[in-house]
PDB file of N, CA and C in Angstrom:
ATOM      1  N   MET A   1     -24.628 -16.818 -20.110  1.00  0.00           N
ATOM      2  CA  MET A   1     -24.621 -15.477 -19.050  1.00  0.00           C
ATOM      3  C   MET A   1     -24.794 -16.356 -17.753  1.00  0.00           C
ATOM      4  N   ILE A   2     -24.351 -15.792 -16.753  1.00  0.00           N
ATOM      5  CA  ILE A   2     -24.390 -16.070 -15.528  1.00  0.00           C
ATOM      6  C   ILE A   2     -25.670 -15.444 -14.414  1.00  0.00           C
ATOM      7  N   ALA A   3     -27.109 -16.670 -14.074  1.00  0.00           N
ATOM      8  CA  ALA A   3     -27.552 -15.691 -13.572  1.00  0.00           C
ATOM      9  C   ALA A   3     -27.138 -14.720 -12.193  1.00  0.00           C
ATOM     10  N   ARG A   4     -27.806 -13.751 -12.934  1.00  0.00           N
ATOM     11  CA  ARG A   4     -28.225 -12.779 -10.806  1.00  0.00           C
ATOM     12  C   ARG A   4     -29.051 -14.118  -9.154  1.00  0.00           C
ATOM     13  N   SER A   5     -28.197 -13.601  -8.343  1.00  0.00           N
ATOM     14  CA  SER A   5     -29.069 -13.933  -7.864  1.00  0.00           C
ATOM     15  C   SER A   5     -29.929 -12.855  -7.076  1.00  0.00           C
ATOM     16  N   SER A   6     -31.614 -13.182  -6.796  1.00  0.00           N
ATOM     17  CA  SER A   6     -32.355 -12.238  -6.503  1.00  0.00           C
ATOM     18  C   SER A   6     -32.009 -12.194  -5.121  1.00  0.00           C
ATOM     19  N   ARG A   7     -31.811 -13.206  -4.667  1.00  0.00           N
ATOM     20  CA  ARG A   7     -31.436 -13.185  -2.957  1.00  0.00           C
ATOM     21  C   ARG A   7     -30.251 -13.155  -2.451  1.00  0.00           C
ATOM     22  N   ARG A   8     -29.050 -12.401  -1.963  1.00  0.00           N
ATOM     23  CA  ARG A   8     -27.973 -11.976  -1.653  1.00  0.00           C
ATOM     24  C   ARG A   8     -27.772 -12.804  -0.863  1.00  0.00           C
ATOM     25  N   GLY A   9     -28.270 -13.011  -0.124  1.00  0.00           N
ATOM     26  CA  GLY A   9     -28.519 -14.460   1.449  1.00  0.00           C
ATOM     27  C   GLY A   9     -28.260 -15.309   0.690  1.00  0.00           C
ATOM     28  N   CYS A  10     -28.349 -16.205   0.189  1.00  0.00           N
ATOM     29  CA  CYS A  10     -28.458 -17.486  -0.384  1.00  0.00           C
ATOM     30  C   CYS A  10     -27.320 -18.062  -0.950  1.00  0.00           C
ATOM     31  N   VAL A  11     -25.712 -16.974  -1.330  1.00  0.00           N
ATOM     32  CA  VAL A  11     -24.183 -16.820  -2.166  1.00  0.00           C
ATOM     33  C   VAL A  11     -24.193 -16.760  -0.719  1.00  0.00           C
ATOM     34  N   PRO A  12     -23.109 -17.571  -0.582  1.00  0.00           N
ATOM     35  CA  PRO A  12     -22.282 -17.320   0.033  1.00  0.00           C
ATOM     36  C   PRO A  12     -21.140 -16.115  -0.287  1.00  0.00           C
ATOM     37  N   PRO A  13     -20.427 -14.965   0.584  1.00  0.00           N
ATOM     38  CA  PRO A  13     -19.758 -13.842   0.143  1.00  0.00           C
ATOM     39  C   PRO A  13     -18.132 -14.496  -1.225  1.00  0.00           C
ATOM     40  N   SER A  14     -17.682 -15.661  -0.777  1.00  0.00           N
ATOM     41  CA  SER A  14     -16.390 -16.116  -1.722  1.00  0.00           C
ATOM     42  C   SER A  14     -16.934 -16.663  -2.920  1.00  0.00           C
ATOM     43  N   LEU A  15     -18.117 -17.106  -3.409  1.00  0.00           N
ATOM     44  CA  LEU A  15     -19.045 -17.408  -4.558  1.00  0.00           C
ATOM     45  C   LEU A  15     -19.248 -16.492  -5.073  1.00  0.00           C
ATOM     46  N   ARG A  16     -20.357 -14.965  -4.684  1.00  0.00           N
ATOM     47  CA  ARG A  16     -20.270 -14.076  -4.677  1.00  0.00           C
ATOM     48  C   ARG A  16     -19.423 -12.598  -5.427  1.00  0.00           C
ATOM     49  N   ALA A  17     -17.847 -12.788  -4.914  1.00  0.00           N
ATOM     50  CA  ALA A  17     -16.776 -12.710  -5.549  1.00  0.00           C
ATOM     51  C   ALA A  17     -16.391 -13.013  -6.458  1.00  0.00           C
ATOM     52  N   GLY A  18     -16.842 -14.645  -6.889  1.00  0.00           N
ATOM     53  CA  GLY A  18     -16.322 -15.371  -7.501  1.00  0.00           C
ATOM     54  C   GLY A  18     -17.096 -14.417  -8.576  1.00  0.00           C
ATOM     55  N   LEU A  19     -18.189 -14.926  -8.195  1.00  0.00           N
ATOM     56  CA  LEU A  19     -19.020 -14.357  -9.637  1.00  0.00           C
ATOM     57  C   LEU A  19     -19.009 -13.123 -10.095  1.00  0.00           C
ATOM     58  N   ALA A  20     -19.038 -12.058  -9.404  1.00  0.00           N
ATOM     59  CA  ALA A  20     -18.377 -10.766  -9.639  1.00  0.00           C
ATOM     60  C   ALA A  20     -17.401 -10.840 -10.567  1.00  0.00           C
ATOM     61  N   ARG A  21     -16.542 -11.369 -11.037  1.00  0.00           N
ATOM     62  CA  ARG A  21     -14.862 -11.750 -11.165  1.00  0.00           C
ATOM     63  C   ARG A  21     -15.425 -11.971 -12.832  1.00  0.00           C
ATOM     64  N   ALA A  22     -15.824 -12.747 -12.548  1.00  0.00           N
ATOM     65  CA  ALA A  22     -16.033 -14.063 -13.908  1.00  0.00           C
ATOM     66  C   ALA A  22     -17.599 -12.585 -14.972  1.00  0.00           C
ATOM     67  N   ARG A  23     -18.551 -12.214 -14.200  1.00  0.00           N
ATOM     68  CA  ARG A  23     -18.563 -11.420 -14.759  1.00  0.00           C
ATOM     69  C   ARG A  23     -18.256 -10.423 -15.821  1.00  0.00           C
ATOM     70  N   ILE A  24     -17.110  -9.630 -14.853  1.00  0.00           N
ATOM     71  CA  ILE A  24     -15.910  -8.780 -15.498  1.00  0.00           C
ATOM     72  C   ILE A  24     -15.300  -9.299 -16.810  1.00  0.00           C
ATOM     73  N   VAL A  25     -14.307 -11.007 -16.150  1.00  0.00           N
ATOM     74  CA  VAL A  25     -13.629 -11.287 -17.066  1.00  0.00           C
ATOM     75  C   VAL A  25     -13.671 -11.604 -17.993  1.00  0.00           C
ATOM     76  N   LEU A  26     -15.145 -12.189 -17.913  1.00  0.00           N
ATOM     77  CA  LEU A  26     -16.043 -13.553 -19.204  1.00  0.00           C
ATOM     78  C   LEU A  26     -16.081 -12.244 -20.659  1.00  0.00           C
ATOM     79  N   PRO A  27     -16.342 -11.258 -20.299  1.00  0.00           N
ATOM     80  CA  PRO A  27     -16.726 -10.383 -21.590  1.00  0.00           C
ATOM     81  C   PRO A  27     -15.552  -9.969 -21.947  1.00  0.00           C
ATOM     82  N   ALA A  28     -14.676  -9.395 -20.828  1.00  0.00           N
ATOM     83  CA  ALA A  28     -13.168  -9.027 -22.131  1.00  0.00           C
ATOM     84  C   ALA A  28     -12.067 -10.461 -21.962  1.00  0.00           C
ATOM     85  N   ALA A  29     -12.979 -11.108 -22.308  1.00  0.00           N
ATOM     86  CA  ALA A  29     -11.885 -12.531 -22.936  1.00  0.00           C
ATOM     87  C   ALA A  29     -12.954 -12.837 -24.440  1.00  0.00           C
ATOM     88  N   ASP A  30     -14.101 -11.489 -24.361  1.00  0.00           N
ATOM     89  CA  ASP A  30     -14.852 -12.411 -26.106  1.00  0.00           C
ATOM     90  C   ASP A  30     -14.330 -10.856 -26.735  1.00  0.00           C
ATOM     91  N   GLY A  31     -13.870  -9.968 -25.608  1.00  0.00           N
ATOM     92  CA  GLY A  31     -12.886  -7.909 -27.007  1.00  0.00           C
ATOM     93  C   GLY A  31     -14.033  -7.146 -26.633  1.00  0.00           C
ATOM     94  N   ALA A  32     -14.167  -7.485 -25.272  1.00  0.00           N
ATOM     95  CA  ALA A  32     -16.016  -6.856 -24.946  1.00  0.00           C
ATOM     96  C   ALA A  32     -14.301  -5.254 -24.115  1.00  0.00           C
ATOM     97  N   ALA A  33     -14.479  -4.267 -24.497  1.00  0.00           N
ATOM     98  CA  ALA A  33     -14.115  -2.482 -23.931  1.00  0.00           C
ATOM     99  C   ALA A  33     -14.260  -2.458 -22.242  1.00  0.00           C
ATOM    100  N   VAL A  34     -13.605  -2.166 -21.949  1.00  0.00           N
ATOM    101  CA  VAL A  34     -13.263  -1.375 -20.500  1.00  0.00           C
ATOM    102  C   VAL A  34     -15.202  -0.494 -20.273  1.00  0.00           C
ATOM    103  N   LYS A  35     -14.984   0.086 -21.207  1.00  0.00           N
ATOM    104  CA  LYS A  35     -16.238   1.268 -20.506  1.00  0.00           C
ATOM    105  C   LYS A  35     -17.070   0.174 -20.699  1.00  0.00           C
ATOM    106  N   ASP A  36     -17.440  -0.614 -21.804  1.00  0.00           N
ATOM    107  CA  ASP A  36     -18.794  -1.318 -22.205  1.00  0.00           C
ATOM    108  C   ASP A  36     -18.573  -2.257 -20.339  1.00  0.00           C
ATOM    109  N   ILE A  37     -17.723  -2.925 -20.218  1.00  0.00           N
ATOM    110  CA  ILE A  37     -17.835  -3.970 -18.846  1.00  0.00           C
ATOM    111  C   ILE A  37     -18.429  -3.119 -17.391  1.00  0.00           C
ATOM    112  N   VAL A  38     -17.438  -2.373 -17.449  1.00  0.00           N
ATOM    113  CA  VAL A  38     -18.286  -1.086 -16.249  1.00  0.00           C
ATOM    114  C   VAL A  38     -19.712  -0.649 -16.764  1.00  0.00           C
ATOM    115  N   GLU A  39     -20.301   0.030 -17.483  1.00  0.00           N
ATOM    116  CA  GLU A  39     -21.707   0.566 -17.500  1.00  0.00           C
ATOM    117  C   GLU A  39     -22.372  -0.931 -17.386  1.00  0.00           C
ATOM    118  N   ARG A  40     -21.918  -2.453 -18.284  1.00  0.00           N
ATOM    119  CA  ARG A  40     -22.872  -3.368 -17.655  1.00  0.00           C
ATOM    120  C   ARG A  40     -23.132  -4.205 -16.567  1.00  0.00           C
ATOM    121  N   VAL A  41     -22.067  -3.982 -15.733  1.00  0.00           N
ATOM    122  CA  VAL A  41     -21.784  -4.865 -15.020  1.00  0.00           C
ATOM    123  C   VAL A  41     -21.694  -3.933 -13.438  1.00  0.00           C
ATOM    124  N   GLY A  42     -21.383  -2.560 -13.617  1.00  0.00           N
ATOM    125  CA  GLY A  42     -21.304  -1.961 -12.434  1.00  0.00           C
ATOM    126  C   GLY A  42     -20.875  -1.684 -11.960  1.00  0.00           C
ATOM    127  N   ALA A  43     -19.512  -2.035 -11.982  1.00  0.00           N
ATOM    128  CA  ALA A  43     -17.600  -2.278 -11.074  1.00  0.00           C
ATOM    129  C   ALA A  43     -17.122  -0.861 -11.683  1.00  0.00           C
ATOM    130  N   SER A  44     -15.928  -0.689 -11.029  1.00  0.00           N
ATOM    131  CA  SER A  44     -15.479   0.805 -11.117  1.00  0.00           C
ATOM    132  C   SER A  44     -14.675   0.482 -12.449  1.00  0.00           C
ATOM    133  N   LYS A  45     -13.817   1.431 -12.877  1.00  0.00           N
ATOM    134  CA  LYS A  45     -13.247   0.796 -14.445  1.00  0.00           C
ATOM    135  C   LYS A  45     -11.416   0.519 -13.604  1.00  0.00           C
ATOM    136  N   PRO A  46     -11.179   1.239 -12.128  1.00  0.00           N
ATOM    137  CA  PRO A  46     -10.244   0.264 -12.016  1.00  0.00           C
ATOM    138  C   PRO A  46      -9.948  -0.818 -11.637  1.00  0.00           C
ATOM    139  N   THR A  47     -11.489  -1.033 -11.580  1.00  0.00           N
ATOM    140  CA  THR A  47     -12.095  -2.600 -10.842  1.00  0.00           C
ATOM    141  C   THR A  47     -11.580  -3.371 -12.054  1.00  0.00           C
ATOM    142  N   VAL A  48     -12.642  -3.463 -13.413  1.00  0.00           N
ATOM    143  CA  VAL A  48     -12.637  -4.070 -14.548  1.00  0.00           C
ATOM    144  C   VAL A  48     -10.993  -4.058 -14.609  1.00  0.00           C
ATOM    145  N   ILE A  49     -10.298  -3.105 -14.857  1.00  0.00           N
ATOM    146  CA  ILE A  49      -8.409  -3.183 -15.452  1.00  0.00           C
ATOM    147  C   ILE A  49      -8.068  -3.968 -14.614  1.00  0.00           C
ATOM    148  N   GLY A  50      -7.972  -3.851 -13.299  1.00  0.00           N
ATOM    149  CA  GLY A  50      -7.675  -5.051 -12.432  1.00  0.00           C
ATOM    150  C   GLY A  50      -7.885  -6.554 -12.527  1.00  0.00           C
ATOM    151  N   TRP A  51      -8.927  -6.409 -12.739  1.00  0.00           N
ATOM    152  CA  TRP A  51      -8.903  -8.245 -12.919  1.00  0.00           C
ATOM    153  C   TRP A  51      -9.244  -8.656 -14.246  1.00  0.00           C
ATOM    154  N   ARG A  52      -8.927  -7.561 -15.298  1.00  0.00           N
ATOM    155  CA  ARG A  52      -8.596  -7.981 -16.226  1.00  0.00           C
ATOM    156  C   ARG A  52      -6.935  -8.443 -16.790  1.00  0.00           C
ATOM    157  N   THR A  53      -6.174  -7.886 -15.502  1.00  0.00           N
ATOM    158  CA  THR A  53      -4.638  -7.786 -15.963  1.00  0.00           C
ATOM    159  C   THR A  53      -4.780  -8.548 -14.736  1.00  0.00           C
ATOM    160  N   ARG A  54      -5.163  -8.919 -13.868  1.00  0.00           N
ATOM    161  CA  ARG A  54      -4.576 -10.263 -13.592  1.00  0.00           C
ATOM    162  C   ARG A  54      -4.927 -11.712 -13.884  1.00  0.00           C
ATOM    163  N   TYR A  55      -6.475 -11.452 -14.915  1.00  0.00           N
ATOM    164  CA  TYR A  55      -6.244 -12.747 -15.815  1.00  0.00           C
ATOM    165  C   TYR A  55      -5.323 -13.332 -16.401  1.00  0.00           C
ATOM    166  N   ALA A  56      -5.345 -11.921 -17.364  1.00  0.00           N
ATOM    167  CA  ALA A  56      -4.722 -11.990 -18.103  1.00  0.00           C
ATOM    168  C   ALA A  56      -2.796 -12.885 -18.367  1.00  0.00           C
ATOM    169  N   ALA A  57      -2.502 -12.083 -16.635  1.00  0.00           N
ATOM    170  CA  ALA A  57      -1.051 -13.089 -16.186  1.00  0.00           C
ATOM    171  C   ALA A  57      -1.423 -14.012 -15.774  1.00  0.00           C
ATOM    172  N   GLU A  58      -2.421 -14.501 -15.076  1.00  0.00           N
ATOM    173  CA  GLU A  58      -2.508 -15.587 -14.132  1.00  0.00           C
ATOM    174  C   GLU A  58      -3.236 -16.703 -14.043  1.00  0.00           C
ATOM    175  N   GLY A  59      -4.211 -15.933 -15.283  1.00  0.00           N
ATOM    176  CA  GLY A  59      -5.110 -17.191 -16.479  1.00  0.00           C
ATOM    177  C   GLY A  59      -6.251 -17.248 -14.867  1.00  0.00           C
ATOM    178  N   LEU A  60      -7.441 -18.562 -14.893  1.00  0.00           N
ATOM    179  CA  LEU A  60      -8.284 -18.688 -13.430  1.00  0.00           C
ATOM    180  C   LEU A  60      -7.768 -18.812 -11.821  1.00  0.00           C
ATOM    181  N   GLY A  61      -6.118 -19.026 -11.871  1.00  0.00           N
ATOM    182  CA  GLY A  61      -5.654 -18.706 -10.645  1.00  0.00           C
ATOM    183  C   GLY A  61      -5.527 -16.944  -9.767  1.00  0.00           C
ATOM    184  N   GLY A  62      -5.793 -16.927 -11.142  1.00  0.00           N
ATOM    185  CA  GLY A  62      -5.562 -14.913 -10.879  1.00  0.00           C
ATOM    186  C   GLY A  62      -7.389 -14.099 -10.085  1.00  0.00           C
ATOM    187  N   LEU A  63      -8.011 -14.937 -10.071  1.00  0.00           N
ATOM    188  CA  LEU A  63      -9.187 -14.772 -10.045  1.00  0.00           C
ATOM    189  C   LEU A  63      -9.185 -15.182  -8.180  1.00  0.00           C
ATOM    190  N   GLU A  64      -8.962 -16.229  -8.038  1.00  0.00           N
ATOM    191  CA  GLU A  64      -8.921 -16.855  -6.498  1.00  0.00           C
ATOM    192  C   GLU A  64      -8.798 -15.463  -5.493  1.00  0.00           C
ATOM    193  N   ASP A  65      -9.170 -15.691  -4.556  1.00  0.00           N
ATOM    194  CA  ASP A  65      -8.397 -14.282  -3.570  1.00  0.00           C
ATOM    195  C   ASP A  65      -7.566 -14.645  -2.809  1.00  0.00           C
ATOM    196  N   ARG A  66      -6.307 -13.467  -2.460  1.00  0.00           N
ATOM    197  CA  ARG A  66      -5.359 -13.013  -2.238  1.00  0.00           C
ATOM    198  C   ARG A  66      -4.924 -13.104  -0.527  1.00  0.00           C
ATOM    199  N   PRO A  67      -4.240 -13.512   0.129  1.00  0.00           N
ATOM    200  CA  PRO A  67      -4.358 -13.418   1.259  1.00  0.00           C
ATOM    201  C   PRO A  67      -4.277 -11.780   1.895  1.00  0.00           C
ATOM    202  N   LYS A  68      -4.707 -11.646   2.660  1.00  0.00           N
ATOM    203  CA  LYS A  68      -4.774 -10.351   3.209  1.00  0.00           C
ATOM    204  C   LYS A  68      -4.132  -9.738   3.433  1.00  0.00           C
ATOM    205  N   ARG A  69      -3.490  -8.526   3.695  1.00  0.00           N
ATOM    206  CA  ARG A  69      -2.472  -8.166   4.863  1.00  0.00           C
ATOM    207  C   ARG A  69      -2.874  -7.909   6.619  1.00  0.00           C
ATOM    208  N   GLY A  70      -1.748  -8.319   6.909  1.00  0.00           N
ATOM    209  CA  GLY A  70      -1.991  -7.863   8.738  1.00  0.00           C
ATOM    210  C   GLY A  70      -2.107  -9.271   9.205  1.00  0.00           C
ATOM    211  N   ARG A  71      -1.940  -9.341  10.094  1.00  0.00           N
ATOM    212  CA  ARG A  71      -2.292 -10.345  11.436  1.00  0.00           C
ATOM    213  C   ARG A  71      -4.176 -11.045  11.333  1.00  0.00           C
ATOM    214  N   ARG A  72      -3.785 -12.406  11.223  1.00  0.00           N
ATOM    215  CA  ARG A  72      -5.213 -13.391  10.875  1.00  0.00           C
ATOM    216  C   ARG A  72      -6.100 -13.287  12.071  1.00  0.00           C
ATOM    217  N   ARG A  73      -7.307 -12.690  12.285  1.00  0.00           N
ATOM    218  CA  ARG A  73      -8.261 -13.172  13.186  1.00  0.00           C
ATOM    219  C   ARG A  73      -8.055 -14.386  13.830  1.00  0.00           C
ATOM    220  N   VAL A  74      -8.209 -14.354  15.106  1.00  0.00           N
ATOM    221  CA  VAL A  74      -8.244 -15.028  15.513  1.00  0.00           C
ATOM    222  C   VAL A  74      -9.139 -15.360  17.075  1.00  0.00           C
ATOM    223  N   ILE A  75     -10.765 -16.177  17.035  1.00  0.00           N
ATOM    224  CA  ILE A  75     -11.481 -16.012  17.897  1.00  0.00           C
ATOM    225  C   ILE A  75     -11.004 -17.402  19.002  1.00  0.00           C
ATOM    226  N   ASP A  76     -10.874 -16.538  19.920  1.00  0.00           N
ATOM    227  CA  ASP A  76     -11.143 -17.289  21.057  1.00  0.00           C
ATOM    228  C   ASP A  76     -12.297 -17.984  21.660  1.00  0.00           C
ATOM    229  N   GLU A  77     -12.476 -19.283  21.380  1.00  0.00           N
ATOM    230  CA  GLU A  77     -13.895 -19.695  22.084  1.00  0.00           C
ATOM    231  C   GLU A  77     -14.341 -19.081  23.366  1.00  0.00           C
ATOM    232  N   VAL A  78     -13.651 -19.395  24.687  1.00  0.00           N
ATOM    233  CA  VAL A  78     -14.070 -19.063  25.960  1.00  0.00           C
ATOM    234  C   VAL A  78     -14.389 -17.932  25.757  1.00  0.00           C
ATOM    235  N   VAL A  79     -13.810 -16.785  25.534  1.00  0.00           N
ATOM    236  CA  VAL A  79     -14.020 -15.581  25.509  1.00  0.00           C
ATOM    237  C   VAL A  79     -15.477 -15.728  25.206  1.00  0.00           C
ATOM    238  N   VAL A  80     -16.076 -16.106  23.428  1.00  0.00           N
ATOM    239  CA  VAL A  80     -17.832 -15.606  22.880  1.00  0.00           C
ATOM    240  C   VAL A  80     -18.245 -16.254  23.785  1.00  0.00           C
ATOM    241  N   VAL A  81     -17.957 -17.408  24.199  1.00  0.00           N
ATOM    242  CA  VAL A  81     -18.913 -18.568  25.295  1.00  0.00           C
ATOM    243  C   VAL A  81     -19.461 -17.623  26.356  1.00  0.00           C
ATOM    244  N   LEU A  82     -18.312 -17.259  27.008  1.00  0.00           N
ATOM    245  CA  LEU A  82     -18.549 -16.315  28.327  1.00  0.00           C
ATOM    246  C   LEU A  82     -19.565 -15.125  28.203  1.00  0.00           C
ATOM    247  N   PRO A  83     -20.187 -14.974  29.478  1.00  0.00           N
ATOM    248  CA  PRO A  83     -20.909 -13.362  29.357  1.00  0.00           C
ATOM    249  C   PRO A  83     -20.160 -12.058  29.770  1.00  0.00           C
ATOM    250  N   THR A  84     -20.553 -11.159  28.808  1.00  0.00           N
ATOM    251  CA  THR A  84     -19.562 -10.150  29.868  1.00  0.00           C
ATOM    252  C   THR A  84     -20.243  -9.157  29.792  1.00  0.00           C
ATOM    253  N   PRO A  85     -19.776  -9.156  31.589  1.00  0.00           N
ATOM    254  CA  PRO A  85     -20.195  -8.293  33.123  1.00  0.00           C
ATOM    255  C   PRO A  85     -20.577  -6.896  32.470  1.00  0.00           C
ATOM    256  N   PRO A  86     -21.843  -6.331  32.834  1.00  0.00           N
ATOM    257  CA  PRO A  86     -21.889  -5.408  32.992  1.00  0.00           C
ATOM    258  C   PRO A  86     -21.107  -4.336  33.296  1.00  0.00           C
ATOM    259  N   THR A  87     -21.024  -3.244  32.861  1.00  0.00           N
ATOM    260  CA  THR A  87     -19.853  -2.306  32.905  1.00  0.00           C
ATOM    261  C   THR A  87     -20.823  -0.910  32.693  1.00  0.00           C
ATOM    262  N   ALA A  88     -20.709   0.248  33.640  1.00  0.00           N
ATOM    263  CA  ALA A  88     -20.967   1.339  33.914  1.00  0.00           C
ATOM    264  C   ALA A  88     -21.524   2.096  32.722  1.00  0.00           C
ATOM    265  N   ALA A  89     -21.020   1.983  31.786  1.00  0.00           N
ATOM    266  CA  ALA A  89     -21.263   2.668  31.042  1.00  0.00           C
ATOM    267  C   ALA A  89     -22.455   1.626  29.673  1.00  0.00           C
ATOM    268  N   THR A  90     -22.292  -0.005  29.941  1.00  0.00           N
ATOM    269  CA  THR A  90     -23.968  -0.830  29.147  1.00  0.00           C
ATOM    270  C   THR A  90     -24.530  -1.208  30.264  1.00  0.00           C
ATOM    271  N   ALA A  91     -24.286   0.023  32.129  1.00  0.00           N
ATOM    272  CA  ALA A  91     -26.052  -1.401  32.751  1.00  0.00           C
ATOM    273  C   ALA A  91     -27.091  -0.146  32.363  1.00  0.00           C
ATOM    274  N   VAL A  92     -27.460  -0.805  32.483  1.00  0.00           N
ATOM    275  CA  VAL A  92     -29.407  -0.208  32.336  1.00  0.00           C
ATOM    276  C   VAL A  92     -29.560   0.285  33.329  1.00  0.00           C
ATOM    277  N   THR A  93     -29.972   1.059  33.491  1.00  0.00           N
ATOM    278  CA  THR A  93     -30.746   1.576  34.946  1.00  0.00           C
ATOM    279  C   THR A  93     -32.352   1.442  35.119  1.00  0.00           C
ATOM    280  N   VAL A  94     -33.350   1.091  35.570  1.00  0.00           N
ATOM    281  CA  VAL A  94     -34.002   0.472  35.869  1.00  0.00           C
ATOM    282  C   VAL A  94     -34.752   1.299  36.746  1.00  0.00           C
ATOM    283  N   THR A  95     -35.704   2.346  36.419  1.00  0.00           N
ATOM    284  CA  THR A  95     -36.584   2.990  37.576  1.00  0.00           C
ATOM    285  C   THR A  95     -38.051   2.705  38.363  1.00  0.00           C
ATOM    286  N   GLN A  96     -38.423   2.875  38.427  1.00  0.00           N
ATOM    287  CA  GLN A  96     -39.399   2.892  38.814  1.00  0.00           C
ATOM    288  C   GLN A  96     -40.967   3.279  37.723  1.00  0.00           C
ATOM    289  N   ARG A  97     -40.446   4.252  36.522  1.00  0.00           N
ATOM    290  CA  ARG A  97     -41.485   4.832  36.006  1.00  0.00           C
ATOM    291  C   ARG A  97     -41.586   4.216  34.889  1.00  0.00           C
ATOM    292  N   VAL A  98     -40.915   3.048  34.190  1.00  0.00           N
ATOM    293  CA  VAL A  98     -40.257   1.527  33.367  1.00  0.00           C
ATOM    294  C   VAL A  98     -40.812   0.689  33.887  1.00  0.00           C
ATOM    295  N   ILE A  99     -41.227   0.204  35.157  1.00  0.00           N
ATOM    296  CA  ILE A  99     -41.761  -1.066  35.847  1.00  0.00           C
ATOM    297  C   ILE A  99     -43.421  -0.639  35.644  1.00  0.00           C
ATOM    298  N   PRO A 100     -44.068  -1.626  34.926  1.00  0.00           N
ATOM    299  CA  PRO A 100     -45.394  -1.674  34.617  1.00  0.00           C
ATOM    300  C   PRO A 100     -46.102  -2.102  36.236  1.00  0.00           C
ATOM    301  N   ARG A 101     -47.482  -1.201  36.351  1.00  0.00           N
ATOM    302  CA  ARG A 101     -47.624  -1.371  37.634  1.00  0.00           C
ATOM    303  C   ARG A 101     -48.867  -1.858  37.250  1.00  0.00           C
ATOM    304  N   PRO A 102     -49.973  -2.872  37.915  1.00  0.00           N
ATOM    305  CA  PRO A 102     -50.758  -3.282  37.756  1.00  0.00           C
ATOM    306  C   PRO A 102     -51.980  -1.957  38.394  1.00  0.00           C
ATOM    307  N   ALA A 103     -53.111  -2.083  37.878  1.00  0.00           N
ATOM    308  CA  ALA A 103     -53.751  -1.340  37.805  1.00  0.00           C
ATOM    309  C   ALA A 103     -54.820  -1.668  38.809  1.00  0.00           C
ATOM    310  N   GLY A 104     -54.994  -0.163  40.520  1.00  0.00           N
ATOM    311  CA  GLY A 104     -55.286  -0.592  41.539  1.00  0.00           C
ATOM    312  C   GLY A 104     -54.826  -1.368  42.830  1.00  0.00           C
ATOM    313  N   SER A 105     -53.165  -0.746  42.164  1.00  0.00           N
ATOM    314  CA  SER A 105     -52.159  -1.259  43.404  1.00  0.00           C
ATOM    315  C   SER A 105     -51.437   0.076  44.049  1.00  0.00           C
ATOM    316  N   ASP A 106     -51.179  -0.104  45.321  1.00  0.00           N
ATOM    317  CA  ASP A 106     -50.683   0.975  46.485  1.00  0.00           C
ATOM    318  C   ASP A 106     -49.473   1.397  45.592  1.00  0.00           C
ATOM    319  N   LEU A 107     -48.832   1.316  44.667  1.00  0.00           N
ATOM    320  CA  LEU A 107     -48.328   1.870  43.391  1.00  0.00           C
ATOM    321  C   LEU A 107     -48.357   3.219  43.214  1.00  0.00           C
ATOM    322  N   ASP A 108     -49.998   2.721  42.345  1.00  0.00           N
ATOM    323  CA  ASP A 108     -50.371   4.264  42.033  1.00  0.00           C
ATOM    324  C   ASP A 108     -50.094   5.309  43.341  1.00  0.00           C
ATOM    325  N   ILE A 109     -50.411   4.902  44.158  1.00  0.00           N
ATOM    326  CA  ILE A 109     -51.033   6.433  45.553  1.00  0.00           C
ATOM    327  C   ILE A 109     -50.208   7.486  45.055  1.00  0.00           C
ATOM    328  N   PRO A 110     -50.203   8.044  44.751  1.00  0.00           N
ATOM    329  CA  PRO A 110     -48.845   9.090  45.444  1.00  0.00           C
ATOM    330  C   PRO A 110     -48.543   9.569  46.334  1.00  0.00           C
ATOM    331  N   ARG A 111     -46.779   9.371  47.133  1.00  0.00           N
ATOM    332  CA  ARG A 111     -46.333  10.019  47.821  1.00  0.00           C
ATOM    333  C   ARG A 111     -46.077  10.997  47.975  1.00  0.00           C
ATOM    334  N   ALA A 112     -46.126  11.612  49.520  1.00  0.00           N
ATOM    335  CA  ALA A 112     -45.240  12.855  49.871  1.00  0.00           C
ATOM    336  C   ALA A 112     -44.066  12.851  49.533  1.00  0.00           C
TER     337      ALA A 112
END
């Protein structure tokens, strides 16, 4: 049996996905019914059926991630390093009311 990690942060997402798929496929290989696997693993019925089908057709290779649709994300390191200049929507206006004033300063005197 595969042990579950109590802390999700210590397992990389790709390994976590592989473990979830193994939890579905291993009982299926032993002849467990879809309903039993759904209850045991907590995955949806279409998910269990899909992974069982892929494993039956492709073996272990079917459990690997497939390329996603669409254009691959490209991170421009120059953009990430440079700070983003503030815009009118993101700028914060600081007023006298939020600036802490030392006690007894002339700023405490009300002005007319």
